[in-house]
Amino acid sequence: MKVYDIYSKRQKILMGKVPDVYQYENIPIPLRVQIVHIMSDALGEQENQETLDMYKLIHDILCREYGKLSLVPKISLDLINHIDDVKDFILQNEDINQVIDVVELSFRLIDRFYREVNVINSTEPEITPDEAIEELNIRFREHGVGYQYESGEIIRVDSQIIHADVVKPVLQLLSDKLSRV
């Protein structure tokens, strides 16, 4: 995991400038950039065919669901670069729900595909699925954005206490029951 305790973060904490209430209406640009970095670290190098295939899968699923040919407007559909399209979509899209869609889908693939199928990239990803998920959740908290990746989906975290004491145990029970079926 690549979260560092840098001076400016410590100063924000000391000055009380860290969010103590979660918000759901905005995903700040710095958080979006951090998400792109996490995805790049978890999915591997761009030159790797498996990485290109993953981004194409993310791109194609979202395009199909949204009824689009490309996530971002293109002059020619022959010029689609799936990696850039997915990253630009995260960075530029104003629809928060669609940004959360791409984050959830990407991290579901990172979590399940890279873990369960044991994909071995010809160039290893820089972080494991667990490290990627942990960093994503830390970044959401750092920015006061009330979402968290948990059990294969992005959930709203309206209250950490309620989430820890009620939601997490229920998700675990459901997950256990589904795995037995």
Protein backbone atom coordinates (compact mmCIF):
# COMPACT_ATOMS: atom_id res chain seq x y z
CA MET A 1 0.00 0.00 0.00
CA LYS A 2 1.29 3.42 -0.89
CA VAL A 3 -0.17 5.80 1.66
CA TYR A 4 2.45 8.00 3.26
CA ASP A 5 2.27 10.09 6.41
CA ILE A 6 3.50 13.33 4.83
CA TYR A 7 3.96 16.67 6.56
CA SER A 8 0.99 18.43 4.93
CA LYS A 9 -1.39 15.64 6.04
CA ARG A 10 -0.15 15.87 9.61
CA GLN A 11 -0.59 19.64 9.57
CA LYS A 12 -4.18 19.33 8.33
CA ILE A 13 -4.91 16.97 11.20
CA LEU A 14 -3.28 19.29 13.76
CA MET A 15 -5.25 22.29 12.43
CA GLY A 16 -8.52 20.34 12.40
CA LYS A 17 -8.90 20.60 8.63
CA VAL A 18 -9.81 16.98 8.11
CA PRO A 19 -13.42 16.18 7.26
CA ASP A 20 -15.37 14.73 10.18
CA VAL A 21 -18.60 14.33 8.21
CA TYR A 22 -18.86 12.28 5.04
CA GLN A 23 -20.16 13.84 1.86
CA TYR A 24 -21.56 12.07 -1.19
CA GLU A 25 -22.10 14.84 -3.74
CA ASN A 26 -18.53 15.40 -4.90
CA ILE A 27 -15.49 13.31 -5.67
CA PRO A 28 -12.56 15.75 -5.55
CA ILE A 29 -10.04 15.73 -8.40
CA PRO A 30 -7.13 14.74 -6.10
CA LEU A 31 -9.12 11.65 -5.00
CA ARG A 32 -9.89 10.80 -8.63
CA VAL A 33 -6.19 11.06 -9.49
CA GLN A 34 -5.32 8.84 -6.52
CA ILE A 35 -7.87 6.26 -7.70
CA VAL A 36 -6.26 6.25 -11.17
CA HIS A 37 -2.84 5.68 -9.54
CA ILE A 38 -4.17 2.80 -7.44
CA MET A 39 -5.76 1.18 -10.48
CA SER A 40 -2.54 1.54 -12.47
CA ASP A 41 -0.54 -0.04 -9.65
CA ALA A 42 -3.03 -2.90 -9.20
CA LEU A 43 -3.64 -3.69 -12.87
CA GLY A 44 0.00 -3.67 -13.94
CA GLU A 45 1.95 -2.06 -16.74
CA GLN A 46 0.22 -0.64 -19.80
CA GLU A 47 2.35 -2.66 -22.22
CA ASN A 48 1.02 -5.89 -20.77
CA GLN A 49 -1.71 -7.53 -22.86
CA GLU A 50 -3.62 -8.68 -19.76
CA THR A 51 -3.73 -5.08 -18.53
CA LEU A 52 -4.95 -3.84 -21.90
CA ASP A 53 -7.61 -6.56 -21.86
CA MET A 54 -8.75 -5.55 -18.34
CA TYR A 55 -9.19 -1.89 -19.31
CA LYS A 56 -10.97 -2.92 -22.50
CA LEU A 57 -13.33 -5.08 -20.43
CA ILE A 58 -14.04 -2.20 -18.02
CA HIS A 59 -14.57 0.16 -20.98
CA ASP A 60 -16.82 -2.22 -22.91
CA ILE A 61 -19.01 -3.15 -19.90
CA LEU A 62 -19.61 0.50 -19.03
CA CYS A 63 -20.26 1.50 -22.66
CA ARG A 64 -22.82 -1.28 -23.01
CA GLU A 65 -24.55 -0.33 -19.75
CA TYR A 66 -24.62 3.39 -20.64
CA GLY A 67 -25.60 2.81 -24.29
CA LYS A 68 -22.45 4.46 -25.62
CA LEU A 69 -19.73 3.52 -28.09
CA SER A 70 -17.01 5.27 -26.09
CA LEU A 71 -16.81 6.54 -22.53
CA VAL A 72 -15.43 9.89 -23.63
CA PRO A 73 -16.28 11.68 -26.90
CA LYS A 74 -14.00 10.67 -29.79
CA ILE A 75 -13.51 12.03 -33.27
CA SER A 76 -13.16 8.48 -34.58
CA LEU A 77 -13.99 5.22 -32.85
CA ASP A 78 -10.86 3.78 -34.48
CA LEU A 79 -8.80 5.92 -32.08
CA ILE A 80 -10.11 4.45 -28.82
CA ASN A 81 -7.42 3.84 -26.23
CA HIS A 82 -9.26 1.90 -23.53
CA ILE A 83 -6.78 2.74 -20.77
CA ASP A 84 -6.95 6.47 -21.46
CA ASP A 85 -10.74 6.36 -21.90
CA VAL A 86 -11.29 4.72 -18.52
CA LYS A 87 -8.86 7.07 -16.78
CA ASP A 88 -10.29 10.18 -18.50
CA PHE A 89 -13.80 9.04 -17.58
CA ILE A 90 -12.82 8.88 -13.90
CA LEU A 91 -11.07 12.25 -14.05
CA GLN A 92 -13.63 14.21 -16.10
CA ASN A 93 -17.10 12.77 -15.58
CA GLU A 94 -19.43 15.04 -13.61
CA ASP A 95 -21.92 12.27 -12.78
CA ILE A 96 -20.79 11.00 -9.36
CA ASN A 97 -22.76 7.76 -9.74
CA GLN A 98 -20.99 6.95 -12.99
CA VAL A 99 -17.59 7.63 -11.43
CA ILE A 100 -18.54 5.27 -8.60
CA ASP A 101 -19.66 2.74 -11.26
CA VAL A 102 -16.22 2.65 -12.87
CA VAL A 103 -14.45 2.50 -9.49
CA GLU A 104 -16.67 -0.35 -8.30
CA LEU A 105 -16.30 -2.32 -11.53
CA SER A 106 -12.53 -1.80 -11.66
CA PHE A 107 -11.99 -2.81 -8.05
CA ARG A 108 -14.31 -5.79 -8.41
CA LEU A 109 -12.09 -6.99 -11.27
CA ILE A 110 -8.95 -6.26 -9.25
CA ASP A 111 -10.43 -8.02 -6.22
CA ARG A 112 -11.96 -11.08 -7.82
CA PHE A 113 -10.19 -11.65 -11.12
CA TYR A 114 -6.66 -10.99 -9.96
CA ARG A 115 -7.23 -12.87 -6.70
CA GLU A 116 -9.39 -15.84 -7.73
CA VAL A 117 -8.01 -16.56 -11.16
CA ASN A 118 -4.45 -15.89 -9.97
CA VAL A 119 -3.52 -13.93 -13.03
CA ILE A 120 0.23 -13.65 -13.31
CA ASN A 121 1.11 -10.63 -15.39
CA SER A 122 4.31 -10.78 -17.35
CA THR A 123 5.06 -7.62 -15.37
CA GLU A 124 3.73 -8.04 -11.84
CA PRO A 125 1.33 -5.41 -10.51
CA GLU A 126 2.94 -3.13 -7.95
CA ILE A 127 0.31 -3.82 -5.28
CA THR A 128 -1.90 -6.74 -4.32
CA PRO A 129 -5.71 -6.61 -4.50
CA ASP A 130 -5.86 -6.27 -0.70
CA GLU A 131 -3.42 -3.35 -0.76
CA ALA A 132 -5.38 -1.66 -3.57
CA ILE A 133 -8.69 -2.01 -1.71
CA GLU A 134 -7.19 -0.83 1.57
CA GLU A 135 -5.66 2.22 -0.09
CA LEU A 136 -8.91 3.05 -1.91
CA ASN A 137 -10.83 2.98 1.37
CA ILE A 138 -8.19 5.09 3.11
CA ARG A 139 -8.31 7.65 0.29
CA PHE A 140 -12.11 7.87 0.50
CA ARG A 141 -11.81 8.57 4.25
CA GLU A 142 -8.98 11.10 3.80
CA HIS A 143 -11.17 13.13 1.46
CA GLY A 144 -14.30 12.77 3.57
CA VAL A 145 -16.10 10.93 0.76
CA GLY A 146 -18.53 8.49 2.32
CA TYR A 147 -17.97 5.41 0.22
CA GLN A 148 -16.08 2.20 0.83
CA TYR A 149 -15.33 -0.90 -1.22
CA GLU A 150 -16.61 -3.88 0.74
CA SER A 151 -17.46 -7.45 -0.32
CA GLY A 152 -17.34 -6.71 -4.04
CA GLU A 153 -19.22 -3.43 -4.14
CA ILE A 154 -19.03 0.23 -3.25
CA ILE A 155 -21.27 1.04 -0.31
CA ARG A 156 -22.20 4.30 1.38
CA VAL A 157 -20.68 4.69 4.82
CA ASP A 158 -23.17 6.93 6.58
CA SER A 159 -21.63 6.19 9.93
CA GLN A 160 -18.45 4.28 10.67
CA ILE A 161 -19.96 2.96 13.91
CA ILE A 162 -23.13 1.67 12.24
CA HIS A 163 -21.06 0.31 9.38
CA ALA A 164 -18.63 -1.52 11.68
CA ASP A 165 -21.25 -2.80 14.13
CA VAL A 166 -24.14 -3.60 11.79
CA VAL A 167 -23.38 -3.52 8.05
CA LYS A 168 -20.05 -5.38 8.05
CA PRO A 169 -21.34 -8.36 10.10
CA VAL A 170 -24.46 -8.59 7.92
CA LEU A 171 -22.36 -8.52 4.72
CA GLN A 172 -20.13 -11.24 6.17
CA LEU A 173 -23.15 -13.40 7.04
CA LEU A 174 -24.59 -12.96 3.56
CA SER A 175 -21.25 -13.74 1.98
CA ASP A 176 -20.89 -16.89 4.10
CA LYS A 177 -24.42 -18.06 3.21
CA LEU A 178 -23.84 -17.44 -0.53
CA SER A 179 -20.58 -19.37 -0.48
CA ARG A 180 -22.37 -22.39 1.02
CA VAL A 181 -25.09 -22.42 -1.66
